[in-house]
Protein backbone atom coordinates (compact mmCIF):
# COMPACT_ATOMS: atom_id res chain seq x y z
CA MET A 1 -22.43 -18.49 49.34
CA THR A 2 -18.67 -18.35 48.77
CA ILE A 3 -16.56 -18.10 45.65
CA SER A 4 -13.08 -19.60 45.37
CA TRP A 5 -10.47 -17.58 43.58
CA GLU A 6 -7.37 -19.34 42.30
CA PRO A 7 -4.65 -16.72 42.89
CA PHE A 8 -5.95 -16.04 46.40
CA GLN A 9 -5.83 -19.74 47.23
CA PHE A 10 -2.28 -19.88 45.83
CA PHE A 11 -1.22 -17.52 48.61
CA GLY A 12 -2.86 -19.71 51.21
CA GLY A 13 -6.22 -17.94 51.47
CA ASN A 14 -9.71 -19.35 51.93
CA THR A 15 -12.78 -19.01 49.78
CA LEU A 16 -14.08 -15.48 49.38
CA ASP A 17 -17.54 -14.05 49.81
CA PRO A 18 -19.03 -12.49 46.62
CA LEU A 19 -18.35 -8.86 47.59
CA THR A 20 -14.72 -9.52 48.50
CA ASN A 21 -14.25 -11.50 45.28
CA VAL A 22 -15.56 -8.59 43.20
CA LEU A 23 -13.40 -6.08 45.09
CA LEU A 24 -10.34 -8.27 44.59
CA GLU A 25 -10.96 -8.50 40.84
CA LEU A 26 -11.45 -4.73 40.65
CA PHE A 27 -8.20 -4.29 42.55
CA LEU A 28 -6.35 -6.59 40.16
CA VAL A 29 -7.76 -4.94 37.05
CA PHE A 30 -7.00 -1.43 38.29
CA VAL A 31 -3.44 -2.22 39.39
CA ALA A 32 -2.71 -4.15 36.20
CA ALA A 33 -4.00 -1.20 34.15
CA GLN A 34 -1.68 1.21 35.96
CA VAL A 35 1.33 -1.08 35.57
CA GLY A 36 0.56 -1.74 31.90
CA ALA A 37 0.07 1.96 31.20
CA GLU A 38 3.34 2.83 32.94
CA ILE A 39 5.32 0.23 30.98
CA ALA A 40 3.74 1.33 27.68
CA GLN A 41 4.51 4.99 28.32
CA ARG A 42 8.11 4.18 29.23
CA LEU A 43 8.33 2.39 25.87
CA LYS A 44 7.03 5.58 24.21
CA LEU A 45 3.64 3.96 23.52
CA PRO A 46 0.22 5.36 24.50
CA ALA A 47 -1.14 4.12 27.84
CA VAL A 48 -4.10 2.39 26.19
CA VAL A 49 -1.76 -0.18 24.59
CA GLY A 50 -0.51 -1.25 28.01
CA GLU A 51 -4.04 -1.38 29.44
CA ILE A 52 -5.35 -3.63 26.64
CA THR A 53 -2.28 -5.87 26.91
CA ALA A 54 -2.78 -6.14 30.68
CA GLY A 55 -6.34 -7.32 30.02
CA CYS A 56 -5.08 -10.04 27.66
CA LEU A 57 -2.65 -11.27 30.31
CA LEU A 58 -5.19 -11.28 33.16
CA GLY A 59 -7.98 -12.86 31.11
CA ALA A 60 -8.87 -16.50 30.64
CA SER A 61 -6.48 -16.94 27.70
CA VAL A 62 -3.29 -16.50 29.77
CA LEU A 63 -3.40 -16.23 33.58
CA GLY A 64 -7.13 -16.64 34.10
CA TRP A 65 -7.04 -14.33 37.11
CA ILE A 66 -10.15 -12.37 36.12
CA HIS A 67 -13.42 -13.45 34.59
CA ILE A 68 -15.65 -11.00 32.78
CA ASN A 69 -18.68 -10.60 35.01
CA GLU A 70 -21.46 -8.05 35.40
CA PRO A 71 -19.61 -5.67 37.78
CA LEU A 72 -16.60 -5.49 35.45
CA GLU A 73 -18.83 -5.07 32.37
CA VAL A 74 -20.77 -2.25 34.03
CA LEU A 75 -17.62 -0.42 35.13
CA ALA A 76 -16.13 -0.85 31.65
CA GLU A 77 -19.20 0.63 29.96
CA ILE A 78 -19.37 3.51 32.45
CA GLY A 79 -15.67 4.13 31.80
CA ALA A 80 -16.34 4.38 28.05
CA VAL A 81 -19.25 6.76 28.68
CA PHE A 82 -17.16 9.12 30.82
CA LEU A 83 -14.25 8.91 28.40
CA LEU A 84 -16.41 10.22 25.55
CA PHE A 85 -17.96 12.81 27.87
CA SER A 86 -14.48 14.17 28.64
CA VAL A 87 -13.61 14.20 24.94
CA GLY A 88 -16.80 16.15 24.26
CA LEU A 89 -15.73 18.65 26.93
CA GLU A 90 -12.66 19.42 24.83
CA THR A 91 -14.62 19.66 21.57
CA ARG A 92 -16.68 22.71 20.67
CA VAL A 93 -19.56 22.42 18.23
CA ASP A 94 -18.30 25.41 16.23
CA GLU A 95 -15.03 23.56 15.64
CA LEU A 96 -16.87 20.46 14.39
CA LYS A 97 -18.95 22.59 12.02
CA LYS A 98 -15.76 23.70 10.29
CA VAL A 99 -14.94 20.09 9.37
CA GLY A 100 -18.51 18.86 8.93
CA ARG A 101 -18.33 18.21 5.18
CA VAL A 102 -15.03 16.34 5.37
CA ALA A 103 -16.14 14.36 8.45
CA THR A 104 -19.32 13.29 6.65
CA LEU A 105 -17.37 12.09 3.61
CA VAL A 106 -14.89 10.24 5.85
CA GLY A 107 -17.69 8.62 7.86
CA ILE A 108 -19.55 7.38 4.76
CA SER A 109 -16.39 6.14 3.01
CA GLY A 110 -15.30 4.44 6.22
CA VAL A 111 -18.49 2.39 6.22
CA VAL A 112 -18.92 1.45 2.56
CA LEU A 113 -15.48 0.06 1.71
CA PRO A 114 -14.95 -2.00 4.92
CA PHE A 115 -18.46 -3.45 4.61
CA VAL A 116 -17.81 -4.52 1.01
CA LEU A 117 -14.43 -6.07 1.88
CA GLY A 118 -15.76 -7.90 4.95
CA THR A 119 -18.78 -9.26 3.08
CA ALA A 120 -16.61 -10.35 0.13
CA TRP A 121 -14.23 -12.23 2.44
CA ALA A 122 -17.08 -14.07 4.16
CA LEU A 123 -18.59 -15.02 0.78
CA TYR A 124 -15.17 -16.30 -0.30
CA ILE A 125 -14.89 -18.69 2.66
CA GLY A 126 -18.36 -20.10 1.92
CA ASP A 127 -20.92 -18.20 3.98
CA ASP A 128 -24.30 -17.32 2.51
CA ILE A 129 -25.20 -13.70 1.75
CA PRO A 130 -27.02 -12.82 5.04
CA ARG A 131 -24.21 -14.30 7.17
CA SER A 132 -21.58 -12.62 5.03
CA MET A 133 -23.29 -9.25 5.44
CA PHE A 134 -23.25 -9.76 9.22
CA VAL A 135 -19.48 -10.30 9.04
CA GLY A 136 -19.23 -7.16 6.92
CA ALA A 137 -21.11 -5.24 9.62
CA ALA A 138 -18.39 -6.17 12.13
CA PHE A 139 -15.84 -4.42 9.88
CA VAL A 140 -17.68 -1.11 9.85
CA ALA A 141 -17.82 1.09 12.93
CA THR A 142 -14.75 2.88 14.28
CA SER A 143 -14.10 2.69 18.01
CA ALA A 144 -14.54 6.29 19.10
CA GLY A 145 -13.50 5.38 22.65
CA ILE A 146 -10.05 4.06 21.79
CA THR A 147 -9.14 6.74 19.24
CA ALA A 148 -10.46 9.48 21.52
CA ARG A 149 -8.30 8.24 24.40
CA VAL A 150 -5.21 8.18 22.20
CA LEU A 151 -5.84 11.69 20.87
CA GLN A 152 -6.44 12.88 24.42
CA ASP A 153 -3.22 11.29 25.70
CA LEU A 154 -1.29 12.86 22.83
CA GLY A 155 -2.79 16.27 23.57
CA MET A 156 -4.04 16.50 19.97
CA LEU A 157 -7.79 16.94 20.43
CA ASN A 158 -7.59 20.51 19.14
CA ARG A 159 -6.11 19.44 15.79
CA THR A 160 -8.25 19.57 12.64
CA GLU A 161 -7.55 15.88 11.97
CA SER A 162 -8.80 14.96 15.43
CA ARG A 163 -12.05 16.86 14.95
CA VAL A 164 -12.60 15.12 11.61
CA ILE A 165 -11.96 11.71 13.19
CA LEU A 166 -14.38 12.32 16.06
CA GLY A 167 -17.07 13.75 13.80
CA ALA A 168 -16.68 10.86 11.36
CA ALA A 169 -16.82 8.34 14.23
CA VAL A 170 -20.24 9.70 15.23
CA ILE A 171 -21.46 9.34 11.63
CA ASP A 172 -19.93 5.86 11.51
CA ASP A 173 -21.91 4.86 14.57
CA ILE A 174 -25.23 5.99 13.07
CA LEU A 175 -24.59 4.16 9.81
CA ALA A 176 -23.30 1.07 11.62
CA MET A 177 -26.46 0.80 13.73
CA LEU A 178 -28.64 1.13 10.62
CA LEU A 179 -26.55 -1.45 8.79
CA LEU A 180 -26.77 -3.83 11.75
CA GLY A 181 -30.56 -3.48 11.71
CA LEU A 182 -30.57 -4.26 7.99
CA VAL A 183 -28.43 -7.41 8.17
CA THR A 184 -30.26 -8.65 11.29
CA SER A 185 -33.55 -8.41 9.40
CA LEU A 186 -32.08 -10.31 6.46
CA GLN A 187 -30.60 -12.99 8.72
CA ALA A 188 -33.92 -13.49 10.52
CA GLY A 189 -35.65 -13.92 7.17
CA SER A 190 -38.21 -11.30 8.10
CA GLY A 191 -37.37 -9.00 5.19
CA VAL A 192 -36.23 -5.44 5.44
CA ASP A 193 -38.60 -2.88 6.92
CA LEU A 194 -37.35 0.18 5.05
CA SER A 195 -39.85 2.49 6.74
CA ASN A 196 -38.61 1.45 10.17
CA LEU A 197 -34.96 1.88 9.15
CA PHE A 198 -35.75 5.32 7.76
CA LEU A 199 -37.50 6.25 11.00
CA VAL A 200 -34.48 5.13 13.04
CA PHE A 201 -32.19 7.16 10.78
CA ILE A 202 -34.32 10.30 11.10
CA GLN A 203 -34.52 9.88 14.89
CA ALA A 204 -30.74 9.49 15.17
CA ILE A 205 -29.98 12.50 12.98
CA GLY A 206 -32.62 14.60 14.71
CA PHE A 207 -31.28 13.67 18.15
CA ILE A 208 -27.72 14.65 17.27
CA VAL A 209 -28.66 17.89 15.51
CA VAL A 210 -31.02 19.05 18.26
CA ILE A 211 -28.62 18.21 21.09
CA ALA A 212 -25.50 19.56 19.36
CA LEU A 213 -27.04 22.80 18.09
CA VAL A 214 -29.94 23.67 20.39
CA GLY A 215 -28.39 22.23 23.54
CA THR A 216 -25.14 24.14 23.14
CA ARG A 217 -26.98 27.43 22.53
CA ILE A 218 -29.09 26.98 25.63
CA MET A 219 -26.01 26.18 27.72
CA ARG A 220 -24.15 29.29 26.51
CA ARG A 221 -26.98 31.49 27.75
CA SER A 222 -27.67 29.73 31.04
CA SER A 223 -24.37 28.27 32.26
CA LEU A 224 -24.46 30.47 35.37
CA LEU A 225 -27.49 28.47 36.53
CA LEU A 226 -25.12 25.57 37.20
CA GLU A 227 -23.80 27.47 40.23
CA ARG A 228 -27.22 28.21 41.76
CA PRO A 229 -27.32 25.09 44.02
CA ILE A 230 -25.54 25.31 47.39
CA ASN A 231 -23.25 22.38 46.59
CA PRO A 232 -19.94 23.87 45.33
CA LEU A 233 -19.58 20.89 42.97
CA SER A 234 -22.99 21.50 41.41
CA PRO A 235 -21.61 22.36 37.91
CA LEU A 236 -19.89 18.97 37.83
CA THR A 237 -22.79 16.97 39.28
CA ILE A 238 -25.34 18.59 36.96
CA CYS A 239 -23.16 17.94 33.92
CA LEU A 240 -22.60 14.32 34.98
CA ALA A 241 -26.37 13.91 35.26
CA LEU A 242 -26.67 15.36 31.75
CA CYS A 243 -24.05 12.88 30.55
CA LEU A 244 -25.91 9.88 31.95
CA GLY A 245 -29.28 11.15 30.74
CA LEU A 246 -28.15 11.67 27.16
CA ALA A 247 -26.34 8.31 27.19
CA VAL A 248 -29.66 6.66 28.08
CA ALA A 249 -31.48 8.68 25.41
CA ALA A 250 -28.96 7.66 22.75
CA SER A 251 -29.30 3.99 23.68
CA TYR A 252 -33.09 4.28 23.54
CA LEU A 253 -32.84 5.60 19.96
CA GLY A 254 -30.59 2.72 18.90
CA LEU A 255 -27.31 4.62 19.04
CA ALA A 256 -24.32 3.79 21.23
CA ALA A 257 -24.53 5.32 24.70
CA ILE A 258 -21.10 6.88 24.17
CA ILE A 259 -22.55 9.11 21.43
CA GLY A 260 -24.99 10.64 23.94
CA ALA A 261 -22.13 11.11 26.39
CA PHE A 262 -20.02 12.81 23.71
CA LEU A 263 -22.88 15.21 22.92
CA ALA A 264 -23.31 15.94 26.64
CA GLY A 265 -19.64 16.86 26.82
CA MET A 266 -20.03 19.20 23.85
CA ILE A 267 -22.90 20.95 25.64
CA ALA A 268 -20.85 21.26 28.84
CA ALA A 269 -17.95 22.64 26.79
CA GLU A 270 -20.01 25.80 26.20
CA THR A 271 -20.20 26.64 29.92
CA GLU A 272 -18.08 29.25 31.63
CA GLN A 273 -16.90 26.51 34.01
CA ARG A 274 -15.42 24.36 31.22
CA GLU A 275 -11.81 24.39 32.45
CA THR A 276 -12.91 23.66 36.01
CA LEU A 277 -15.06 20.75 34.80
CA ILE A 278 -12.13 19.27 32.89
CA ALA A 279 -9.93 19.44 36.00
CA GLN A 280 -12.60 17.98 38.31
CA LEU A 281 -13.32 15.12 35.90
CA ARG A 282 -9.73 13.87 35.75
CA PRO A 283 -9.79 11.86 39.04
CA ILE A 284 -13.04 10.17 37.97
CA MET A 285 -11.49 9.33 34.61
CA ALA A 286 -8.33 7.99 36.23
CA PHE A 287 -10.41 5.42 38.09
CA LEU A 288 -13.11 4.41 35.60
CA VAL A 289 -11.57 4.53 32.11
CA PRO A 290 -8.86 1.84 32.61
CA PHE A 291 -11.57 -0.77 33.30
CA PHE A 292 -12.91 -0.35 29.77
CA PHE A 293 -9.58 -1.09 28.11
CA VAL A 294 -8.57 -3.96 30.42
CA VAL A 295 -11.96 -5.67 29.96
CA THR A 296 -11.62 -5.19 26.19
CA GLY A 297 -8.30 -7.03 26.27
CA ALA A 298 -9.57 -9.76 28.60
CA LYS A 299 -12.33 -10.78 26.20
CA ILE A 300 -10.08 -12.37 23.61
CA ASN A 301 -9.81 -16.19 23.57
CA LEU A 302 -6.33 -17.00 22.32
CA ALA A 303 -7.04 -20.77 22.36
CA ALA A 304 -9.45 -20.38 19.42
CA LEU A 305 -6.58 -18.98 17.38
CA GLY A 306 -4.29 -21.95 17.94
CA SER A 307 -3.99 -23.30 14.38
CA VAL A 308 -1.97 -21.99 11.43
CA ASP A 309 -5.06 -21.86 9.20
CA VAL A 310 -6.96 -19.72 11.68
CA LEU A 311 -3.99 -17.41 12.14
CA LEU A 312 -3.76 -16.96 8.37
CA MET A 313 -7.48 -16.13 8.29
CA LEU A 314 -6.92 -13.62 11.09
CA LEU A 315 -4.07 -12.04 9.14
CA VAL A 316 -6.24 -11.67 6.03
CA VAL A 317 -9.20 -10.28 7.99
CA THR A 318 -7.00 -7.79 9.85
CA LEU A 319 -5.35 -6.58 6.65
CA LEU A 320 -8.76 -6.17 4.98
CA ALA A 321 -10.10 -4.31 8.02
CA ILE A 322 -7.12 -1.95 8.06
CA ALA A 323 -7.14 -1.41 4.30
CA GLY A 324 -10.88 -0.75 4.17
CA LYS A 325 -10.78 2.02 6.76
CA PHE A 326 -7.44 3.50 5.82
CA ILE A 327 -8.04 3.68 2.08
CA GLY A 328 -11.68 4.79 2.29
CA CYS A 329 -11.15 7.42 5.00
CA SER A 330 -7.83 8.83 3.83
CA LEU A 331 -9.13 9.29 0.27
CA ALA A 332 -12.18 11.10 1.63
CA ALA A 333 -9.90 13.41 3.65
CA LEU A 334 -7.47 14.34 0.87
CA SER A 335 -8.79 17.89 0.87
CA LEU A 336 -6.94 18.36 4.19
CA GLY A 337 -3.60 17.53 2.57
CA ARG A 338 -1.80 14.21 2.19
CA LYS A 339 -0.26 14.03 5.68
CA SER A 340 -3.52 14.97 7.39
CA ALA A 341 -5.42 12.47 5.24
CA VAL A 342 -3.05 9.71 6.37
CA ILE A 343 -3.61 10.68 10.03
CA VAL A 344 -7.38 10.57 9.53
CA GLY A 345 -7.15 7.20 7.78
CA VAL A 346 -5.08 5.70 10.59
CA GLY A 347 -7.26 7.25 13.30
CA MET A 348 -10.37 5.56 11.86
CA VAL A 349 -8.82 2.07 11.86
CA PRO A 350 -9.59 0.72 15.39
CA ARG A 351 -12.80 -1.28 15.78
CA GLY A 352 -12.53 -1.94 19.52
CA GLU A 353 -15.78 -2.30 21.44
CA VAL A 354 -18.03 -1.86 18.39
CA GLY A 355 -16.60 -4.84 16.53
CA ILE A 356 -16.77 -6.85 19.75
CA ILE A 357 -20.46 -5.96 20.23
CA VAL A 358 -21.34 -7.07 16.68
CA ALA A 359 -19.34 -10.26 17.11
CA GLY A 360 -21.16 -11.00 20.38
CA LEU A 361 -24.54 -10.52 18.71
CA GLY A 362 -23.49 -12.84 15.89
CA LEU A 363 -22.35 -15.54 18.30
CA GLN A 364 -25.48 -15.22 20.43
CA ALA A 365 -27.71 -15.55 17.36
CA GLY A 366 -25.83 -18.63 16.14
CA ILE A 367 -24.58 -16.78 13.04
CA PHE A 368 -20.88 -17.02 13.90
CA SER A 369 -18.90 -20.12 14.78
CA ASP A 370 -16.47 -19.92 17.70
CA THR A 371 -13.63 -19.54 15.22
CA ILE A 372 -15.19 -16.66 13.27
CA TYR A 373 -16.12 -15.01 16.57
CA ALA A 374 -12.55 -15.30 17.86
CA ILE A 375 -11.17 -13.93 14.58
CA ILE A 376 -13.42 -10.87 14.67
CA ILE A 377 -12.64 -10.24 18.34
CA ALA A 378 -8.91 -10.57 17.67
CA MET A 379 -9.15 -8.28 14.62
CA SER A 380 -10.95 -5.67 16.71
CA LEU A 381 -8.26 -5.81 19.37
CA ILE A 382 -5.32 -5.87 16.95
CA THR A 383 -6.59 -2.80 15.11
CA SER A 384 -7.08 -1.16 18.50
CA VAL A 385 -3.53 -1.95 19.64
CA ILE A 386 -1.65 -0.97 16.46
CA THR A 387 -3.41 2.38 15.98
CA PRO A 388 -2.13 4.25 19.09
CA PRO A 389 1.60 3.95 18.32
CA ALA A 390 0.95 4.69 14.63
CA LEU A 391 -0.97 7.86 15.50
CA GLY A 392 1.71 8.88 17.98
CA ALA A 393 4.40 8.51 15.32
CA LEU A 394 2.39 10.44 12.71
CA PHE A 395 1.67 13.32 15.06
CA ALA A 396 5.32 13.36 16.14
CA ASP A 397 6.36 13.67 12.48
CA THR A 398 3.97 16.58 11.91
CA LYS A 399 5.30 18.29 15.06
CA SER A 400 8.87 17.81 13.85
CA ALA A 401 8.01 19.19 10.40
CA SER A 402 6.28 22.19 11.95
CA SER A 403 9.29 22.87 14.18
CA GLN A 404 11.63 22.76 11.19
CA VAL A 405 9.45 25.18 9.24
CA SER A 406 9.34 27.58 12.22
CA ALA A 407 13.11 27.37 12.62
CA GLN A 408 13.62 28.16 8.94
CA GLU A 409 11.26 31.14 9.17
CA ASP A 410 13.10 32.42 12.24
CA GLY A 411 16.42 32.03 10.40
CA ASN A 412 15.14 33.97 7.41
CA LYS A 413 14.10 36.81 9.70
């Protein structure tokens, strides 16, 4: 069996066998990600903006050079898993405890208001209540992967605002999965099994608490065991196995796999080899993570957004999605101060892969039309693209203000 590939034929090539075709697409995606990231960084934008834009250009909507297939999907998901694992490595559970109350308030507020706004919009355009609630569910969960990458690129993971955002994103994910179960039950007409939803909620909370608290304590006491195997890379390989195992466990409990990976990183952060693990993980991250963002960008179908009416609907949906997260989350974080609350509100805006997953489920179940699907996908990507430069500017302002205060203090001395 052979597969023809248009750009290859343009250069005078022949049809490609399946393996070569996959390798060529991986090559294109990886190179495009590096070029996009380089251009974005030269424009003083985070690398993730360039990677998502590169995906839009390579996808079916523009050049059509890549098609989302199983190998690309798998690499993208693995990239997201390792991204959150690396973020967990730079996040200690004791630091999250300090912001636990604020993160909980932010997570809850960041679910309630967007869900209400999304449902109200869908009711306004004529959908019934179950369908409208499904649209509302697509407004809910923050993309931990995109925000985490931006915070990591900015070197701001140790900031209080960043810890609140990451903690709230975990809470968002739990509530989003429960909400999705609720609206799916309503849409299917099977009624709501409250006992089952409660069981899922208890399992999710129990999983996170046990892993975050018990797992980290065990690792503190036994981290030297990671060096017992002969393989000099054994600390890294054992922690990667832990990452994959907890990602599977999280998926089994109805959570996103990236939550399990994040918890695995938090456990590994308690080891004596933490700094070495961070350094050894960077080459793996450099290869895998760009696939996630390029594939995210490649999924949008610009042709479905070709009319003025649809573009106006997209504008309204995007504004509602931004307002719901920003207002709800920033108000919940006011105890941190006004500037920090704004940073938290902006950091919770991107929907990214979570909104795309909900949209895909809605399309597959026949709940969404192609137009509504395209609007939700585009909203998820737009909120993902506008957040990185906004966060960069906000953190730059806080740095500048801090520098001015330090200079004044030095002058007074």
